[in-house]
Amino acid sequence: MHLDELFEEYRLYARAMGRSPNTVTSMRYHVRRLVLFLDAAGYPVDTDELTLRLLREFITDASTWYSPKTVANNVRAIKTLFNFAVSDGLVDSNPSEKLGIPKIPSRDFDIFQPRDIEKLLAACNTRRLTGLRDSAIVTVLYDTGLRASELTGLRDEDIDWELGLLRVIGKGDKQRLVPVSPRTLRVVRRYIKQRDKTLERNVPVVFCSQTQSSQDFR
């Protein structure tokens, strides 16, 4: 079976199981990279002829072009693909079974200090709805650590004002509750009150777009 054909079987399986479209897209990306490597090196692009040695050659080559994290993700995708293939009886053996996942070097990240947040907030022109919105966004992110996608998807009904909780939808459409401080809620409440007064219409999410909010209100 050609690797592209194996991917199509995986795509059908993933859709039937309700996997995220991003999961399928990511798998396609990693499979295509493996196929391109095998083609360029003159190796057969067939599951029956794919060996652990060929996979190690592929990973070694990828390591010269991509970051350790990307390579590690590539290995995980290949192992996931062949685990599926074995469980569905599409291949007789798993060439990736003993393929190790490269270690990702740890990195130290700079963290925001209170003075950095103060500078960001000071840069927000709260005489405009955009500035009031940006001030609320900075405050929420600093207080809760939400992902950008979680923040932009936040709706008014996702805020529990009484309990001080945000209901967010994270990766894999998983829902979780995130505590938020009274101070942050006050900032968000002020923004929402002015948003509704300024726009004079309903918006689907808490934080309106740049076009919607680009107007003065004083």
N, C-alpha and C. Protein backbone atom coordinates (compact mmCIF):
# COMPACT_ATOMS: atom_id res chain seq x y z
N MET A 1 0.84 -1.20 0.00
CA MET A 1 0.00 0.00 0.00
C MET A 1 0.87 1.25 0.00
N HIS A 2 0.56 2.16 -0.91
CA HIS A 2 1.28 3.44 -0.96
C HIS A 2 0.97 4.24 0.31
N LEU A 3 1.93 5.02 0.76
CA LEU A 3 1.73 5.81 1.97
C LEU A 3 0.57 6.80 1.83
N ASP A 4 0.38 7.35 0.63
CA ASP A 4 -0.74 8.25 0.42
C ASP A 4 -2.07 7.51 0.59
N GLU A 5 -2.11 6.26 0.16
CA GLU A 5 -3.33 5.46 0.33
C GLU A 5 -3.58 5.17 1.80
N LEU A 6 -2.50 4.93 2.55
CA LEU A 6 -2.63 4.70 3.99
C LEU A 6 -3.17 5.96 4.68
N PHE A 7 -2.70 7.08 4.23
CA PHE A 7 -3.20 8.33 4.82
C PHE A 7 -4.69 8.48 4.57
N GLU A 8 -5.16 8.14 3.37
CA GLU A 8 -6.58 8.26 3.07
C GLU A 8 -7.41 7.36 3.98
N GLU A 9 -6.87 6.17 4.31
CA GLU A 9 -7.56 5.29 5.25
C GLU A 9 -7.61 5.94 6.63
N TYR A 10 -6.51 6.57 7.00
CA TYR A 10 -6.48 7.26 8.30
C TYR A 10 -7.45 8.44 8.31
N ARG A 11 -7.51 9.17 7.21
CA ARG A 11 -8.42 10.31 7.12
C ARG A 11 -9.87 9.86 7.35
N LEU A 12 -10.26 8.75 6.71
CA LEU A 12 -11.61 8.22 6.86
C LEU A 12 -11.86 7.82 8.31
N TYR A 13 -10.88 7.16 8.90
CA TYR A 13 -10.99 6.74 10.31
C TYR A 13 -11.13 7.96 11.22
N ALA A 14 -10.29 8.97 11.01
CA ALA A 14 -10.30 10.16 11.87
C ALA A 14 -11.63 10.88 11.78
N ARG A 15 -12.18 10.99 10.59
CA ARG A 15 -13.47 11.66 10.43
C ARG A 15 -14.58 10.87 11.11
N ALA A 16 -14.54 9.54 10.96
CA ALA A 16 -15.56 8.69 11.59
C ALA A 16 -15.50 8.78 13.10
N MET A 17 -14.31 9.00 13.65
CA MET A 17 -14.12 9.07 15.09
C MET A 17 -14.27 10.50 15.62
N GLY A 18 -14.57 11.44 14.73
CA GLY A 18 -14.77 12.82 15.15
C GLY A 18 -13.51 13.55 15.53
N ARG A 19 -12.38 13.14 14.94
CA ARG A 19 -11.13 13.82 15.22
C ARG A 19 -11.15 15.24 14.64
N SER A 20 -10.38 16.12 15.24
CA SER A 20 -10.32 17.50 14.78
C SER A 20 -9.76 17.57 13.36
N PRO A 21 -10.30 18.46 12.52
CA PRO A 21 -9.73 18.66 11.17
C PRO A 21 -8.26 19.04 11.23
N ASN A 22 -7.86 19.73 12.28
CA ASN A 22 -6.44 20.09 12.43
C ASN A 22 -5.57 18.85 12.60
N THR A 23 -6.10 17.84 13.26
CA THR A 23 -5.37 16.58 13.44
C THR A 23 -5.11 15.92 12.10
N VAL A 24 -6.13 15.89 11.25
CA VAL A 24 -6.00 15.28 9.92
C VAL A 24 -5.03 16.09 9.05
N THR A 25 -5.15 17.41 9.12
CA THR A 25 -4.26 18.27 8.33
C THR A 25 -2.80 18.08 8.76
N SER A 26 -2.58 17.99 10.07
CA SER A 26 -1.23 17.79 10.58
C SER A 26 -0.67 16.45 10.11
N MET A 27 -1.50 15.40 10.17
CA MET A 27 -1.04 14.08 9.72
C MET A 27 -0.68 14.12 8.24
N ARG A 28 -1.49 14.81 7.45
CA ARG A 28 -1.22 14.91 6.01
C ARG A 28 0.13 15.58 5.77
N TYR A 29 0.39 16.64 6.52
CA TYR A 29 1.65 17.37 6.40
C TYR A 29 2.84 16.46 6.67
N HIS A 30 2.78 15.70 7.74
CA HIS A 30 3.91 14.85 8.12
C HIS A 30 4.08 13.67 7.15
N VAL A 31 2.97 13.11 6.68
CA VAL A 31 3.06 12.00 5.72
C VAL A 31 3.66 12.49 4.41
N ARG A 32 3.26 13.68 3.97
CA ARG A 32 3.80 14.21 2.72
C ARG A 32 5.30 14.43 2.81
N ARG A 33 5.77 14.89 3.96
CA ARG A 33 7.21 15.08 4.12
C ARG A 33 7.96 13.76 4.03
N LEU A 34 7.39 12.71 4.60
CA LEU A 34 8.02 11.39 4.51
C LEU A 34 8.01 10.89 3.07
N VAL A 35 6.91 11.08 2.38
CA VAL A 35 6.81 10.65 0.98
C VAL A 35 7.82 11.38 0.10
N LEU A 36 7.92 12.69 0.29
CA LEU A 36 8.87 13.48 -0.50
C LEU A 36 10.31 13.04 -0.25
N PHE A 37 10.63 12.72 1.01
CA PHE A 37 11.98 12.25 1.32
C PHE A 37 12.27 10.93 0.62
N LEU A 38 11.34 9.99 0.71
CA LEU A 38 11.54 8.68 0.09
C LEU A 38 11.68 8.80 -1.42
N ASP A 39 10.83 9.63 -2.03
CA ASP A 39 10.90 9.84 -3.48
C ASP A 39 12.25 10.42 -3.89
N ALA A 40 12.69 11.46 -3.16
CA ALA A 40 13.93 12.14 -3.50
C ALA A 40 15.14 11.21 -3.32
N ALA A 41 15.06 10.32 -2.35
CA ALA A 41 16.19 9.41 -2.09
C ALA A 41 16.13 8.15 -2.95
N GLY A 42 15.07 8.00 -3.72
CA GLY A 42 14.95 6.83 -4.59
C GLY A 42 14.46 5.59 -3.89
N TYR A 43 13.84 5.76 -2.73
CA TYR A 43 13.32 4.61 -1.98
C TYR A 43 11.86 4.36 -2.36
N PRO A 44 11.39 3.12 -2.23
CA PRO A 44 9.99 2.83 -2.52
C PRO A 44 9.07 3.49 -1.49
N VAL A 45 7.96 4.01 -2.00
CA VAL A 45 7.00 4.69 -1.11
C VAL A 45 5.85 3.73 -0.85
N ASP A 46 6.19 2.63 -0.20
CA ASP A 46 5.22 1.57 0.04
C ASP A 46 5.34 1.09 1.48
N THR A 47 4.23 0.88 2.13
CA THR A 47 4.25 0.49 3.54
C THR A 47 4.96 -0.84 3.77
N ASP A 48 4.86 -1.76 2.80
CA ASP A 48 5.48 -3.08 2.97
C ASP A 48 7.01 -3.00 2.93
N GLU A 49 7.55 -1.96 2.31
CA GLU A 49 9.00 -1.86 2.16
C GLU A 49 9.61 -0.79 3.06
N LEU A 50 8.78 -0.17 3.87
CA LEU A 50 9.28 0.84 4.79
C LEU A 50 9.86 0.16 6.03
N THR A 51 11.11 0.48 6.34
CA THR A 51 11.79 -0.17 7.46
C THR A 51 12.17 0.85 8.53
N LEU A 52 12.56 0.32 9.68
CA LEU A 52 13.02 1.19 10.76
C LEU A 52 14.24 1.99 10.32
N ARG A 53 15.12 1.38 9.55
CA ARG A 53 16.32 2.07 9.09
C ARG A 53 15.96 3.26 8.19
N LEU A 54 14.99 3.06 7.28
CA LEU A 54 14.58 4.14 6.39
C LEU A 54 13.94 5.29 7.19
N LEU A 55 13.17 4.94 8.19
CA LEU A 55 12.57 5.97 9.02
C LEU A 55 13.63 6.75 9.79
N ARG A 56 14.65 6.06 10.23
CA ARG A 56 15.74 6.75 10.94
C ARG A 56 16.51 7.65 9.98
N GLU A 57 16.67 7.22 8.75
CA GLU A 57 17.32 8.08 7.75
C GLU A 57 16.48 9.35 7.53
N PHE A 58 15.18 9.15 7.45
CA PHE A 58 14.28 10.29 7.26
C PHE A 58 14.38 11.27 8.42
N ILE A 59 14.38 10.76 9.65
CA ILE A 59 14.45 11.62 10.83
C ILE A 59 15.80 12.33 10.89
N THR A 60 16.86 11.64 10.54
CA THR A 60 18.19 12.26 10.52
C THR A 60 18.24 13.39 9.51
N ASP A 61 17.66 13.16 8.33
CA ASP A 61 17.62 14.20 7.30
C ASP A 61 16.77 15.38 7.77
N ALA A 62 15.61 15.09 8.34
CA ALA A 62 14.72 16.16 8.80
C ALA A 62 15.38 17.01 9.88
N SER A 63 16.23 16.38 10.69
CA SER A 63 16.88 17.11 11.79
C SER A 63 17.83 18.19 11.29
N THR A 64 18.28 18.06 10.05
CA THR A 64 19.18 19.08 9.51
C THR A 64 18.41 20.30 8.98
N TRP A 65 17.09 20.14 8.85
CA TRP A 65 16.28 21.22 8.26
C TRP A 65 15.27 21.82 9.24
N TYR A 66 14.84 21.04 10.19
CA TYR A 66 13.74 21.47 11.05
C TYR A 66 14.14 21.45 12.52
N SER A 67 13.34 22.14 13.32
CA SER A 67 13.61 22.22 14.76
C SER A 67 13.36 20.86 15.43
N PRO A 68 13.96 20.62 16.58
CA PRO A 68 13.72 19.36 17.30
C PRO A 68 12.24 19.12 17.59
N LYS A 69 11.50 20.19 17.88
CA LYS A 69 10.07 20.04 18.17
C LYS A 69 9.32 19.55 16.94
N THR A 70 9.65 20.12 15.77
CA THR A 70 9.00 19.70 14.53
C THR A 70 9.32 18.25 14.20
N VAL A 71 10.57 17.88 14.38
CA VAL A 71 10.98 16.50 14.11
C VAL A 71 10.28 15.53 15.07
N ALA A 72 10.20 15.91 16.33
CA ALA A 72 9.52 15.07 17.31
C ALA A 72 8.05 14.90 16.94
N ASN A 73 7.42 15.96 16.49
CA ASN A 73 6.03 15.86 16.05
C ASN A 73 5.89 14.95 14.84
N ASN A 74 6.88 14.99 13.97
CA ASN A 74 6.89 14.12 12.80
C ASN A 74 6.94 12.65 13.22
N VAL A 75 7.80 12.35 14.17
CA VAL A 75 7.91 10.97 14.66
C VAL A 75 6.59 10.52 15.29
N ARG A 76 6.01 11.38 16.11
CA ARG A 76 4.74 11.02 16.77
C ARG A 76 3.65 10.73 15.74
N ALA A 77 3.62 11.56 14.67
CA ALA A 77 2.61 11.36 13.63
C ALA A 77 2.82 10.02 12.92
N ILE A 78 4.06 9.70 12.61
CA ILE A 78 4.35 8.43 11.94
C ILE A 78 3.97 7.25 12.81
N LYS A 79 4.30 7.33 14.09
CA LYS A 79 3.96 6.24 15.01
C LYS A 79 2.44 6.11 15.15
N THR A 80 1.75 7.24 15.21
CA THR A 80 0.28 7.20 15.29
C THR A 80 -0.31 6.56 14.04
N LEU A 81 0.23 6.94 12.87
CA LEU A 81 -0.26 6.41 11.61
C LEU A 81 -0.11 4.89 11.55
N PHE A 82 1.06 4.40 11.93
CA PHE A 82 1.29 2.95 11.83
C PHE A 82 0.62 2.16 12.95
N ASN A 83 0.44 2.77 14.09
CA ASN A 83 -0.35 2.11 15.13
C ASN A 83 -1.78 1.88 14.64
N PHE A 84 -2.31 2.90 13.97
CA PHE A 84 -3.64 2.76 13.38
C PHE A 84 -3.64 1.67 12.31
N ALA A 85 -2.61 1.68 11.44
CA ALA A 85 -2.55 0.72 10.34
C ALA A 85 -2.50 -0.72 10.84
N VAL A 86 -1.74 -0.94 11.92
CA VAL A 86 -1.65 -2.28 12.49
C VAL A 86 -2.97 -2.70 13.12
N SER A 87 -3.57 -1.79 13.88
CA SER A 87 -4.83 -2.12 14.57
C SER A 87 -5.96 -2.41 13.59
N ASP A 88 -5.92 -1.77 12.40
CA ASP A 88 -6.94 -2.00 11.38
C ASP A 88 -6.57 -3.11 10.41
N GLY A 89 -5.42 -3.73 10.62
CA GLY A 89 -5.01 -4.83 9.76
C GLY A 89 -4.59 -4.41 8.37
N LEU A 90 -4.17 -3.15 8.22
CA LEU A 90 -3.76 -2.66 6.91
C LEU A 90 -2.31 -2.99 6.60
N VAL A 91 -1.50 -3.23 7.62
CA VAL A 91 -0.11 -3.64 7.45
C VAL A 91 0.16 -4.80 8.40
N ASP A 92 1.18 -5.60 8.06
CA ASP A 92 1.50 -6.77 8.87
C ASP A 92 2.40 -6.44 10.05
N SER A 93 3.22 -5.41 9.89
CA SER A 93 4.14 -5.05 10.97
C SER A 93 4.26 -3.53 11.05
N ASN A 94 4.79 -3.06 12.17
CA ASN A 94 4.91 -1.63 12.43
C ASN A 94 6.38 -1.23 12.39
N PRO A 95 6.83 -0.61 11.30
CA PRO A 95 8.24 -0.24 11.19
C PRO A 95 8.64 0.87 12.16
N SER A 96 7.67 1.59 12.71
CA SER A 96 7.98 2.69 13.61
C SER A 96 7.94 2.29 15.09
N GLU A 97 7.70 1.00 15.34
CA GLU A 97 7.52 0.54 16.72
C GLU A 97 8.71 0.90 17.61
N LYS A 98 9.93 0.75 17.09
CA LYS A 98 11.13 1.02 17.88
C LYS A 98 11.76 2.38 17.53
N LEU A 99 11.01 3.19 16.81
CA LEU A 99 11.52 4.51 16.44
C LEU A 99 11.40 5.45 17.63
N GLY A 100 12.54 5.93 18.10
CA GLY A 100 12.53 6.80 19.26
C GLY A 100 12.13 8.23 18.91
N ILE A 101 11.53 8.91 19.89
CA ILE A 101 11.15 10.32 19.70
C ILE A 101 12.29 11.20 20.18
N PRO A 102 12.84 12.04 19.30
CA PRO A 102 13.97 12.91 19.70
C PRO A 102 13.60 13.81 20.87
N LYS A 103 14.58 14.03 21.73
CA LYS A 103 14.36 14.92 22.86
C LYS A 103 14.33 16.37 22.40
N ILE A 104 13.47 17.14 23.02
CA ILE A 104 13.36 18.56 22.71
C ILE A 104 14.11 19.33 23.79
N PRO A 105 15.15 20.06 23.41
CA PRO A 105 15.92 20.82 24.42
C PRO A 105 15.01 21.79 25.17
N SER A 106 15.20 21.85 26.46
CA SER A 106 14.40 22.78 27.26
C SER A 106 14.89 24.20 27.04
N ARG A 107 13.94 25.13 27.09
CA ARG A 107 14.28 26.54 26.91
C ARG A 107 13.72 27.35 28.06
N ASP A 108 14.46 28.36 28.42
CA ASP A 108 13.97 29.29 29.42
C ASP A 108 13.27 30.44 28.70
N PHE A 109 12.06 30.71 29.13
CA PHE A 109 11.28 31.77 28.51
C PHE A 109 11.26 33.01 29.41
N ASP A 110 11.37 34.15 28.77
CA ASP A 110 11.21 35.40 29.52
C ASP A 110 9.75 35.53 29.93
N ILE A 111 9.51 35.96 31.14
CA ILE A 111 8.15 36.14 31.61
C ILE A 111 7.86 37.62 31.81
N PHE A 112 6.58 37.96 31.71
CA PHE A 112 6.19 39.35 31.91
C PHE A 112 6.36 39.73 33.38
N GLN A 113 6.87 40.91 33.59
CA GLN A 113 6.94 41.49 34.91
C GLN A 113 5.78 42.49 35.06
N PRO A 114 5.38 42.80 36.30
CA PRO A 114 4.29 43.77 36.49
C PRO A 114 4.51 45.07 35.75
N ARG A 115 5.76 45.54 35.68
CA ARG A 115 6.02 46.81 34.98
C ARG A 115 5.76 46.67 33.47
N ASP A 116 5.97 45.46 32.93
CA ASP A 116 5.69 45.26 31.51
C ASP A 116 4.19 45.38 31.24
N ILE A 117 3.39 44.79 32.12
CA ILE A 117 1.94 44.87 31.97
C ILE A 117 1.47 46.31 32.11
N GLU A 118 2.08 47.03 33.05
CA GLU A 118 1.73 48.44 33.23
C GLU A 118 1.99 49.25 31.96
N LYS A 119 3.09 48.95 31.28
CA LYS A 119 3.41 49.64 30.04
C LYS A 119 2.38 49.31 28.95
N LEU A 120 1.98 48.04 28.87
CA LEU A 120 0.98 47.65 27.88
C LEU A 120 -0.35 48.35 28.14
N LEU A 121 -0.74 48.39 29.40
CA LEU A 121 -2.01 49.03 29.74
C LEU A 121 -1.96 50.53 29.48
N ALA A 122 -0.80 51.13 29.77
CA ALA A 122 -0.65 52.57 29.55
C ALA A 122 -0.73 52.92 28.07
N ALA A 123 -0.38 51.96 27.20
CA ALA A 123 -0.41 52.21 25.76
C ALA A 123 -1.82 52.12 25.17
N CYS A 124 -2.77 51.63 25.97
CA CYS A 124 -4.14 51.49 25.49
C CYS A 124 -4.89 52.80 25.65
N ASN A 125 -5.35 53.35 24.54
CA ASN A 125 -6.10 54.60 24.55
C ASN A 125 -7.55 54.29 24.93
N THR A 126 -7.86 54.39 26.22
CA THR A 126 -9.18 54.01 26.69
C THR A 126 -10.25 55.06 26.38
N ARG A 127 -9.90 56.08 25.62
CA ARG A 127 -10.90 57.03 25.12
C ARG A 127 -11.57 56.49 23.85
N ARG A 128 -11.03 55.39 23.36
CA ARG A 128 -11.62 54.70 22.21
C ARG A 128 -12.02 53.30 22.64
N LEU A 129 -13.01 52.75 21.97
CA LEU A 129 -13.46 51.41 22.33
C LEU A 129 -12.37 50.38 22.10
N THR A 130 -11.56 50.60 21.04
CA THR A 130 -10.45 49.67 20.79
C THR A 130 -9.49 49.64 21.97
N GLY A 131 -9.18 50.80 22.53
CA GLY A 131 -8.26 50.86 23.66
C GLY A 131 -8.84 50.22 24.90
N LEU A 132 -10.14 50.45 25.13
CA LEU A 132 -10.80 49.84 26.28
C LEU A 132 -10.84 48.32 26.12
N ARG A 133 -11.08 47.90 24.87
CA ARG A 133 -11.06 46.46 24.59
C ARG A 133 -9.67 45.87 24.82
N ASP A 134 -8.63 46.54 24.29
CA ASP A 134 -7.27 46.04 24.44
C ASP A 134 -6.84 45.98 25.90
N SER A 135 -7.27 46.96 26.67
CA SER A 135 -6.96 46.97 28.10
C SER A 135 -7.58 45.76 28.78
N ALA A 136 -8.81 45.44 28.41
CA ALA A 136 -9.49 44.28 28.98
C ALA A 136 -8.80 42.98 28.55
N ILE A 137 -8.38 42.93 27.29
CA ILE A 137 -7.70 41.73 26.78
C ILE A 137 -6.40 41.47 27.53
N VAL A 138 -5.59 42.51 27.68
CA VAL A 138 -4.32 42.37 28.39
C VAL A 138 -4.56 41.90 29.82
N THR A 139 -5.55 42.49 30.46
CA THR A 139 -5.85 42.14 31.86
C THR A 139 -6.29 40.69 31.98
N VAL A 140 -7.16 40.24 31.06
CA VAL A 140 -7.65 38.86 31.10
C VAL A 140 -6.50 37.87 30.84
N LEU A 141 -5.71 38.15 29.83
CA LEU A 141 -4.61 37.24 29.50
C LEU A 141 -3.62 37.13 30.65
N TYR A 142 -3.29 38.25 31.26
CA TYR A 142 -2.32 38.23 32.36
C TYR A 142 -2.89 37.52 33.58
N ASP A 143 -4.17 37.66 33.80
CA ASP A 143 -4.80 37.07 34.98
C ASP A 143 -5.06 35.58 34.83
N THR A 144 -5.38 35.14 33.60
CA THR A 144 -5.84 33.75 33.42
C THR A 144 -4.91 32.86 32.62
N GLY A 145 -4.06 33.45 31.75
CA GLY A 145 -3.19 32.62 30.90
C GLY A 145 -3.94 31.92 29.79
N LEU A 146 -5.08 32.46 29.36
CA LEU A 146 -5.83 31.84 28.27
C LEU A 146 -5.02 31.83 26.98
N ARG A 147 -5.30 30.84 26.13
CA ARG A 147 -4.75 30.85 24.78
C ARG A 147 -5.48 31.91 23.96
N ALA A 148 -4.84 32.35 22.90
CA ALA A 148 -5.45 33.37 22.04
C ALA A 148 -6.78 32.89 21.48
N SER A 149 -6.85 31.63 21.05
CA SER A 149 -8.09 31.10 20.47
C SER A 149 -9.19 31.02 21.52
N GLU A 150 -8.82 30.73 22.76
CA GLU A 150 -9.80 30.69 23.83
C GLU A 150 -10.35 32.07 24.13
N LEU A 151 -9.46 33.04 24.10
CA LEU A 151 -9.88 34.42 24.37
C LEU A 151 -10.82 34.94 23.29
N THR A 152 -10.45 34.74 22.02
CA THR A 152 -11.25 35.29 20.92
C THR A 152 -12.59 34.57 20.80
N GLY A 153 -12.70 33.35 21.31
CA GLY A 153 -13.96 32.62 21.25
C GLY A 153 -14.87 32.84 22.44
N LEU A 154 -14.43 33.64 23.39
CA LEU A 154 -15.19 33.88 24.61
C LEU A 154 -16.46 34.67 24.32
N ARG A 155 -17.59 34.19 24.81
CA ARG A 155 -18.88 34.85 24.64
C ARG A 155 -19.36 35.43 25.97
N ASP A 156 -20.29 36.35 25.90
CA ASP A 156 -20.80 36.98 27.12
C ASP A 156 -21.33 35.94 28.10
N GLU A 157 -22.05 34.94 27.57
CA GLU A 157 -22.65 33.93 28.44
C GLU A 157 -21.63 32.97 29.05
N ASP A 158 -20.37 33.05 28.59
CA ASP A 158 -19.32 32.21 29.15
C ASP A 158 -18.74 32.80 30.44
N ILE A 159 -19.18 33.98 30.81
CA ILE A 159 -18.66 34.64 32.01
C ILE A 159 -19.65 34.45 33.16
N ASP A 160 -19.16 33.80 34.22
CA ASP A 160 -19.98 33.67 35.44
C ASP A 160 -19.54 34.78 36.39
N TRP A 161 -20.29 35.87 36.38
CA TRP A 161 -19.92 37.04 37.16
C TRP A 161 -19.97 36.76 38.67
N GLU A 162 -20.90 35.94 39.07
CA GLU A 162 -21.08 35.68 40.50
C GLU A 162 -19.98 34.80 41.07
N LEU A 163 -19.63 33.74 40.35
CA LEU A 163 -18.61 32.81 40.83
C LEU A 163 -17.20 33.21 40.41
N GLY A 164 -17.07 34.14 39.45
CA GLY A 164 -15.76 34.54 38.98
C GLY A 164 -15.08 33.47 38.15
N LEU A 165 -15.81 32.96 37.16
CA LEU A 165 -15.29 31.88 36.31
C LEU A 165 -15.53 32.20 34.84
N LEU A 166 -14.59 31.74 34.01
CA LEU A 166 -14.76 31.81 32.56
C LEU A 166 -14.89 30.39 32.04
N ARG A 167 -15.89 30.16 31.19
CA ARG A 167 -16.03 28.86 30.55
C ARG A 167 -15.38 28.96 29.18
N VAL A 168 -14.30 28.22 28.96
CA VAL A 168 -13.56 28.32 27.71
C VAL A 168 -13.52 26.97 27.01
N ILE A 169 -13.40 27.02 25.70
CA ILE A 169 -13.26 25.82 24.87
C ILE A 169 -11.82 25.76 24.39
N GLY A 170 -11.09 24.73 24.83
CA GLY A 170 -9.68 24.62 24.49
C GLY A 170 -9.43 23.65 23.36
N LYS A 171 -8.22 23.10 23.31
CA LYS A 171 -7.86 22.15 22.27
C LYS A 171 -8.75 20.91 22.33
N GLY A 172 -9.07 20.40 21.15
CA GLY A 172 -9.92 19.21 21.10
C GLY A 172 -11.35 19.49 21.52
N ASP A 173 -11.75 20.77 21.47
CA ASP A 173 -13.10 21.19 21.86
C ASP A 173 -13.43 20.80 23.30
N LYS A 174 -12.40 20.75 24.14
CA LYS A 174 -12.62 20.42 25.55
C LYS A 174 -12.95 21.68 26.33
N GLN A 175 -13.97 21.59 27.15
CA GLN A 175 -14.42 22.74 27.94
C GLN A 175 -13.79 22.70 29.33
N ARG A 176 -13.42 23.88 29.83
CA ARG A 176 -12.91 23.96 31.20
C ARG A 176 -13.29 25.29 31.80
N LEU A 177 -13.27 25.35 33.13
CA LEU A 177 -13.59 26.57 33.84
C LEU A 177 -12.31 27.19 34.37
N VAL A 178 -12.16 28.49 34.14
CA VAL A 178 -10.95 29.21 34.53
C VAL A 178 -11.31 30.31 35.52
N PRO A 179 -10.71 30.29 36.72
CA PRO A 179 -10.99 31.36 37.69
C PRO A 179 -10.46 32.70 37.19
N VAL A 180 -11.17 33.77 37.54
CA VAL A 180 -10.76 35.11 37.15
C VAL A 180 -10.99 36.03 38.34
N SER A 181 -10.11 36.99 38.53
CA SER A 181 -10.16 37.85 39.71
C SER A 181 -11.27 38.90 39.61
N PRO A 182 -11.77 39.38 40.75
CA PRO A 182 -12.79 40.44 40.74
C PRO A 182 -12.31 41.69 40.00
N ARG A 183 -11.03 42.03 40.14
CA ARG A 183 -10.50 43.21 39.46
C ARG A 183 -10.60 43.06 37.95
N THR A 184 -10.24 41.88 37.45
CA THR A 184 -10.33 41.64 36.01
C THR A 184 -11.78 41.69 35.54
N LEU A 185 -12.68 41.15 36.34
CA LEU A 185 -14.10 41.18 35.97
C LEU A 185 -14.61 42.62 35.89
N ARG A 186 -14.12 43.48 36.77
CA ARG A 186 -14.54 44.88 36.72
C ARG A 186 -14.09 45.54 35.41
N VAL A 187 -12.86 45.23 35.00
CA VAL A 187 -12.33 45.79 33.74
C VAL A 187 -13.16 45.28 32.56
N VAL A 188 -13.46 43.99 32.55
CA VAL A 188 -14.23 43.41 31.45
C VAL A 188 -15.65 43.96 31.44
N ARG A 189 -16.24 44.10 32.63
CA ARG A 189 -17.61 44.61 32.72
C ARG A 189 -17.69 46.05 32.17
N ARG A 190 -16.69 46.86 32.50
CA ARG A 190 -16.65 48.24 32.00
C ARG A 190 -16.58 48.25 30.48
N TYR A 191 -15.74 47.38 29.94
CA TYR A 191 -15.60 47.31 28.48
C TYR A 191 -16.90 46.85 27.83
N ILE A 192 -17.53 45.79 28.36
CA ILE A 192 -18.76 45.26 27.76
C ILE A 192 -19.87 46.31 27.81
N LYS A 193 -19.98 47.02 28.93
CA LYS A 193 -20.99 48.06 29.06
C LYS A 193 -20.82 49.12 27.99
N GLN A 194 -19.58 49.55 27.75
CA GLN A 194 -19.33 50.58 26.74
C GLN A 194 -19.45 50.01 25.33
N ARG A 195 -19.07 48.75 25.17
CA ARG A 195 -19.22 48.09 23.86
C ARG A 195 -20.67 48.09 23.42
N ASP A 196 -21.56 47.66 24.31
CA ASP A 196 -22.98 47.59 23.97
C ASP A 196 -23.57 48.98 23.73
N LYS A 197 -23.11 49.95 24.50
CA LYS A 197 -23.61 51.32 24.35
C LYS A 197 -23.13 51.93 23.04
N THR A 198 -21.87 51.66 22.67
CA THR A 198 -21.28 52.27 21.48
C THR A 198 -21.76 51.61 20.19
N LEU A 199 -21.80 50.28 20.17
CA LEU A 199 -22.15 49.57 18.94
C LEU A 199 -23.65 49.53 18.70
N GLU A 200 -24.44 49.57 19.78
CA GLU A 200 -25.90 49.54 19.70
C GLU A 200 -26.40 48.34 18.92
N ARG A 201 -25.68 47.24 19.03
CA ARG A 201 -26.13 45.98 18.42
C ARG A 201 -25.38 44.84 19.09
N ASN A 202 -25.91 43.65 18.96
CA ASN A 202 -25.29 42.49 19.58
C ASN A 202 -24.09 42.03 18.77
N VAL A 203 -23.05 41.58 19.48
CA VAL A 203 -21.89 40.97 18.82
C VAL A 203 -21.77 39.55 19.36
N PRO A 204 -21.29 38.61 18.55
CA PRO A 204 -21.31 37.20 18.96
C PRO A 204 -20.30 36.84 20.04
N VAL A 205 -19.25 37.64 20.20
CA VAL A 205 -18.23 37.31 21.18
C VAL A 205 -17.94 38.53 22.06
N VAL A 206 -17.23 38.29 23.17
CA VAL A 206 -16.95 39.37 24.11
C VAL A 206 -16.12 40.46 23.45
N PHE A 207 -15.01 40.06 22.83
CA PHE A 207 -14.07 41.05 22.30
C PHE A 207 -14.32 41.26 20.81
N CYS A 208 -14.92 42.41 20.48
CA CYS A 208 -15.29 42.71 19.11
C CYS A 208 -14.06 42.98 18.25
N SER A 209 -14.27 42.97 16.95
CA SER A 209 -13.16 43.11 16.01
C SER A 209 -12.67 44.55 15.94
N GLN A 210 -11.54 44.73 15.27
CA GLN A 210 -10.96 46.07 15.10
C GLN A 210 -11.92 46.99 14.36
N THR A 211 -12.59 46.47 13.33
CA THR A 211 -13.52 47.29 12.54
C THR A 211 -14.72 47.70 13.38
N GLN A 212 -15.24 46.75 14.16
CA GLN A 212 -16.42 47.02 14.97
C GLN A 212 -16.15 48.06 16.06
N SER A 213 -14.90 48.03 16.61
CA SER A 213 -14.64 48.82 17.79
C SER A 213 -13.84 50.10 17.54
N SER A 214 -13.60 50.43 16.28
CA SER A 214 -12.74 51.59 15.97
C SER A 214 -13.52 52.88 15.93
N GLN A 215 -14.03 53.28 17.09
CA GLN A 215 -14.72 54.55 17.16
C GLN A 215 -14.63 55.12 18.57
N ASP A 216 -14.75 56.43 18.65
CA ASP A 216 -14.71 57.09 19.95
C ASP A 216 -16.05 56.96 20.65
N PHE A 217 -16.04 57.09 21.96
CA PHE A 217 -17.31 57.11 22.67
C PHE A 217 -17.38 58.26 23.67
N ARG A 218 -16.38 59.15 23.67
CA ARG A 218 -16.42 60.30 24.55
C ARG A 218 -16.31 61.57 23.71
